Each structure stands twice: as C-alpha cells, then as structure tokens.
C-alpha cells in the first residue's frame, strides 16, 4: 500500500471512528448531563475541528479538499449512527410498545443535521482561509 492510500485510510478511519464514538458516548451517557443543542452545535463541531487540525499537522500529506471530503463523509456516517441510536436503540416511554419512530425525532434529526452541516461548512471555510495563510 503506497503512502497516499495509507493516508486516505487513516484520515477516513480516524474521522469516522472518533465522530461515531462521540455520538455514541453522548447518546448513551451524556444525554442527561448536557443539553442536546449544546452538544450538537458547539461540542461536536469543536471535536471535528480538533481532530482535523491534529491530522492536518500530522504526517498525512493530503490536500485540503481531501481533508474536507473525509470530514463530510465521517459527518454523514455519524448522522446515520446517531439517527439509529435516537430512533431504534433509545427508549421512548411516551410511545406504545412496538412504536419506534416519532415525527418529532425525525424532524429533530433533519433540522440538527442541516444546521450542523452549515456550521461545518462555515468552519471549513474558516479553516481554508487559515490553511491558505499558513501553507
């Protein structure tokens, strides 16, 4: 495996695993301690920026757009994981047995994912400006 393919693998693997673990840890442990909107709109984007800043300065020599593609890919995988956790795994005591999907949950997933994507695009633009200044 050449160095570029190895860099692709590590970038995709690191982003996907850490972002999915962040969603799993939040929805299983931290949901009672931290407000959902604070996590989704503040903590989660900070995690994304920290991971990719560390990977950016590591020895993975990828172009900026390749970093961004892996971030967006991992972001969408983490949305799928968090949607699965919200809709299937978590208990909904207000529902009758056997009923799993609430319209409010699906609407919440769509709205938070859209706002997170906008925040991620803004952060990506800011990081691109920093990238062009320093590199």
C-alpha atoms as a PDB file:
ATOM      1  CA  UNK A   1       0.000   0.000   0.000  1.00  0.00           C
ATOM      2  CA  UNK A   2       1.540   3.274  -1.021  1.00  0.00           C
ATOM      3  CA  UNK A   3       1.815   6.249   1.319  1.00  0.00           C
ATOM      4  CA  UNK A   4      -1.066   8.220  -0.243  1.00  0.00           C
ATOM      5  CA  UNK A   5      -3.546   5.342   0.093  1.00  0.00           C
ATOM      6  CA  UNK A   6      -2.419   4.807   3.664  1.00  0.00           C
ATOM      7  CA  UNK A   7      -3.031   8.498   4.359  1.00  0.00           C
ATOM      8  CA  UNK A   8      -6.528   8.206   2.886  1.00  0.00           C
ATOM      9  CA  UNK A   9      -7.254   5.192   5.050  1.00  0.00           C
ATOM     10  CA  UNK A  10      -6.042   6.807   8.276  1.00  0.00           C
ATOM     11  CA  UNK A  11      -7.894  10.034   7.566  1.00  0.00           C
ATOM     12  CA  UNK A  12     -11.173   8.237   6.878  1.00  0.00           C
ATOM     13  CA  UNK A  13     -10.734   5.776   9.741  1.00  0.00           C
ATOM     14  CA  UNK A  14      -9.831   8.404  12.341  1.00  0.00           C
ATOM     15  CA  UNK A  15     -12.623  10.805  11.436  1.00  0.00           C
ATOM     16  CA  UNK A  16     -15.297   8.139  11.209  1.00  0.00           C
ATOM     17  CA  UNK A  17     -14.394   6.297  14.400  1.00  0.00           C
ATOM     18  CA  UNK A  18     -13.962   9.387  16.582  1.00  0.00           C
ATOM     19  CA  UNK A  19     -17.105  11.128  15.330  1.00  0.00           C
ATOM     20  CA  UNK A  20     -19.219   7.980  15.675  1.00  0.00           C
ATOM     21  CA  UNK A  21     -17.813   7.354  19.151  1.00  0.00           C
ATOM     22  CA  UNK A  22     -18.627  10.939  20.118  1.00  0.00           C
ATOM     23  CA  UNK A  23     -22.259  10.416  19.060  1.00  0.00           C
ATOM     24  CA  UNK A  24     -22.484   7.038  20.809  1.00  0.00           C
ATOM     25  CA  UNK A  25     -20.977   8.361  24.040  1.00  0.00           C
ATOM     26  CA  UNK A  26     -23.265  11.372  24.013  1.00  0.00           C
ATOM     27  CA  UNK A  27     -26.491   9.456  23.350  1.00  0.00           C
ATOM     28  CA  UNK A  28     -25.654   6.679  25.825  1.00  0.00           C
ATOM     29  CA  UNK A  29     -24.001   8.510  28.726  1.00  0.00           C
ATOM     30  CA  UNK A  30     -24.021  12.303  28.437  1.00  0.00           C
ATOM     31  CA  UNK A  31     -27.568  12.960  27.238  1.00  0.00           C
ATOM     32  CA  UNK A  32     -28.801  13.645  30.795  1.00  0.00           C
ATOM     33  CA  UNK A  33     -25.813  15.824  31.715  1.00  0.00           C
ATOM     34  CA  UNK A  34     -25.532  18.043  28.629  1.00  0.00           C
ATOM     35  CA  UNK A  35     -28.151  19.794  26.551  1.00  0.00           C
ATOM     36  CA  UNK A  36     -28.565  18.232  23.115  1.00  0.00           C
ATOM     37  CA  UNK A  37     -28.295  21.531  21.262  1.00  0.00           C
ATOM     38  CA  UNK A  38     -25.083  22.445  23.093  1.00  0.00           C
ATOM     39  CA  UNK A  39     -23.539  19.134  22.111  1.00  0.00           C
ATOM     40  CA  UNK A  40     -24.750  19.139  18.512  1.00  0.00           C
ATOM     41  CA  UNK A  41     -23.970  22.775  17.704  1.00  0.00           C
ATOM     42  CA  UNK A  42     -20.946  23.519  19.894  1.00  0.00           C
ATOM     43  CA  UNK A  43     -19.137  20.446  21.186  1.00  0.00           C
ATOM     44  CA  UNK A  44     -19.477  18.256  18.074  1.00  0.00           C
ATOM     45  CA  UNK A  45     -18.080  20.908  15.654  1.00  0.00           C
ATOM     46  CA  UNK A  46     -15.229  21.584  18.104  1.00  0.00           C
ATOM     47  CA  UNK A  47     -14.428  17.854  18.103  1.00  0.00           C
ATOM     48  CA  UNK A  48     -14.378  17.890  14.293  1.00  0.00           C
ATOM     49  CA  UNK A  49     -12.060  20.898  14.161  1.00  0.00           C
ATOM     50  CA  UNK A  50      -9.688  19.483  16.792  1.00  0.00           C
ATOM     51  CA  UNK A  51      -9.427  16.085  15.096  1.00  0.00           C
ATOM     52  CA  UNK A  52      -8.725  17.568  11.711  1.00  0.00           C
ATOM     53  CA  UNK A  53      -6.332  20.220  12.975  1.00  0.00           C
ATOM     54  CA  UNK A  54      -4.274  17.453  14.561  1.00  0.00           C
ATOM     55  CA  UNK A  55      -4.476  15.362  11.386  1.00  0.00           C
ATOM     56  CA  UNK A  56      -3.676  18.401   9.266  1.00  0.00           C
ATOM     57  CA  UNK A  57      -0.371  18.932  11.089  1.00  0.00           C
ATOM     58  CA  UNK A  58       0.480  15.241  11.189  1.00  0.00           C
ATOM     59  CA  UNK A  59       2.479  13.478   8.526  1.00  0.00           C
ATOM     60  CA  UNK A  60      -0.626  12.768   6.454  1.00  0.00           C
ATOM     61  CA  UNK A  61       0.161  14.882   3.437  1.00  0.00           C
ATOM     62  CA  UNK A  62      -3.256  15.322   1.867  1.00  0.00           C
ATOM     63  CA  UNK A  63      -4.665  18.315   0.086  1.00  0.00           C
ATOM     64  CA  UNK A  64      -7.187  20.497   1.861  1.00  0.00           C
ATOM     65  CA  UNK A  65     -10.151  19.338  -0.203  1.00  0.00           C
ATOM     66  CA  UNK A  66      -9.284  15.716   0.627  1.00  0.00           C
ATOM     67  CA  UNK A  67      -9.374  16.551   4.331  1.00  0.00           C
ATOM     68  CA  UNK A  68     -12.750  18.233   3.819  1.00  0.00           C
ATOM     69  CA  UNK A  69     -14.176  15.255   1.911  1.00  0.00           C
ATOM     70  CA  UNK A  70     -13.231  12.865   4.684  1.00  0.00           C
ATOM     71  CA  UNK A  71     -14.717  15.204   7.277  1.00  0.00           C
ATOM     72  CA  UNK A  72     -18.029  15.397   5.418  1.00  0.00           C
ATOM     73  CA  UNK A  73     -18.062  11.633   4.882  1.00  0.00           C
ATOM     74  CA  UNK A  74     -17.445  10.945   8.566  1.00  0.00           C
ATOM     75  CA  UNK A  75     -20.045  13.558   9.485  1.00  0.00           C
ATOM     76  CA  UNK A  76     -22.721  11.807   7.431  1.00  0.00           C
ATOM     77  CA  UNK A  77     -21.776   8.404   8.867  1.00  0.00           C
ATOM     78  CA  UNK A  78     -22.084   9.869  12.379  1.00  0.00           C
ATOM     79  CA  UNK A  79     -25.523  11.243  11.461  1.00  0.00           C
ATOM     80  CA  UNK A  80     -26.587   7.732  10.472  1.00  0.00           C
ATOM     81  CA  UNK A  81     -25.232   6.335  13.754  1.00  0.00           C
ATOM     82  CA  UNK A  82     -26.934   8.999  15.868  1.00  0.00           C
ATOM     83  CA  UNK A  83     -30.202   8.581  13.940  1.00  0.00           C
ATOM     84  CA  UNK A  84     -30.079   4.848  14.594  1.00  0.00           C
ATOM     85  CA  UNK A  85     -29.462   5.492  18.283  1.00  0.00           C
ATOM     86  CA  UNK A  86     -32.257   8.047  18.577  1.00  0.00           C
ATOM     87  CA  UNK A  87     -34.877   6.121  16.632  1.00  0.00           C
ATOM     88  CA  UNK A  88     -34.139   2.483  17.408  1.00  0.00           C
ATOM     89  CA  UNK A  89     -31.967   1.979  20.473  1.00  0.00           C
ATOM     90  CA  UNK A  90     -33.140   4.673  22.899  1.00  0.00           C
ATOM     91  CA  UNK A  91     -36.310   4.017  24.845  1.00  0.00           C
ATOM     92  CA  UNK A  92     -39.294   6.224  24.182  1.00  0.00           C
ATOM     93  CA  UNK A  93     -41.542   5.882  27.254  1.00  0.00           C
ATOM     94  CA  UNK A  94     -44.240   8.090  25.715  1.00  0.00           C
ATOM     95  CA  UNK A  95     -44.848   5.607  22.889  1.00  0.00           C
ATOM     96  CA  UNK A  96     -46.873   2.404  22.997  1.00  0.00           C
ATOM     97  CA  UNK A  97     -44.841  -0.826  22.756  1.00  0.00           C
ATOM     98  CA  UNK A  98     -43.617  -1.540  19.231  1.00  0.00           C
ATOM     99  CA  UNK A  99     -43.802   2.078  18.056  1.00  0.00           C
ATOM    100  CA  UNK A 100     -40.293   3.398  17.363  1.00  0.00           C
ATOM    101  CA  UNK A 101     -40.425   6.474  15.176  1.00  0.00           C
ATOM    102  CA  UNK A 102     -41.699   9.826  16.341  1.00  0.00           C
ATOM    103  CA  UNK A 103     -42.233  12.569  13.816  1.00  0.00           C
ATOM    104  CA  UNK A 104     -40.568  14.977  16.230  1.00  0.00           C
ATOM    105  CA  UNK A 105     -37.445  12.785  16.392  1.00  0.00           C
ATOM    106  CA  UNK A 106     -37.155  12.599  12.617  1.00  0.00           C
ATOM    107  CA  UNK A 107     -37.729  16.341  12.325  1.00  0.00           C
ATOM    108  CA  UNK A 108     -35.112  16.935  15.038  1.00  0.00           C
ATOM    109  CA  UNK A 109     -32.582  14.766  13.164  1.00  0.00           C
ATOM    110  CA  UNK A 110     -33.202  16.619   9.885  1.00  0.00           C
ATOM    111  CA  UNK A 111     -33.011  20.103  11.419  1.00  0.00           C
ATOM    112  CA  UNK A 112     -29.936  19.456  13.575  1.00  0.00           C
ATOM    113  CA  UNK A 113     -28.132  17.730  10.714  1.00  0.00           C
ATOM    114  CA  UNK A 114     -28.825  20.662   8.405  1.00  0.00           C
ATOM    115  CA  UNK A 115     -27.658  23.230  10.951  1.00  0.00           C
ATOM    116  CA  UNK A 116     -24.599  21.099  11.753  1.00  0.00           C
ATOM    117  CA  UNK A 117     -23.783  20.911   8.060  1.00  0.00           C
ATOM    118  CA  UNK A 118     -23.991  24.714   7.789  1.00  0.00           C
ATOM    119  CA  UNK A 119     -21.752  25.092  10.838  1.00  0.00           C
ATOM    120  CA  UNK A 120     -19.334  22.552   9.368  1.00  0.00           C
ATOM    121  CA  UNK A 121     -19.254  24.412   6.048  1.00  0.00           C
ATOM    122  CA  UNK A 122     -18.547  27.696   7.863  1.00  0.00           C
ATOM    123  CA  UNK A 123     -15.766  26.068   9.870  1.00  0.00           C
ATOM    124  CA  UNK A 124     -14.406  24.523   6.692  1.00  0.00           C
ATOM    125  CA  UNK A 125     -14.310  27.962   5.059  1.00  0.00           C
ATOM    126  CA  UNK A 126     -12.511  29.440   8.084  1.00  0.00           C
ATOM    127  CA  UNK A 127     -10.030  26.561   8.130  1.00  0.00           C
ATOM    128  CA  UNK A 128      -9.423  27.023   4.400  1.00  0.00           C
ATOM    129  CA  UNK A 129      -8.564  30.683   4.982  1.00  0.00           C
ATOM    130  CA  UNK A 130      -6.169  29.674   7.783  1.00  0.00           C
ATOM    131  CA  UNK A 131      -4.748  26.973   5.509  1.00  0.00           C
ATOM    132  CA  UNK A 132      -4.108  29.483   2.693  1.00  0.00           C
ATOM    133  CA  UNK A 133      -2.464  31.934   5.087  1.00  0.00           C
ATOM    134  CA  UNK A 134      -0.081  29.441   6.723  1.00  0.00           C
ATOM    135  CA  UNK A 135       0.650  26.999   3.901  1.00  0.00           C
END
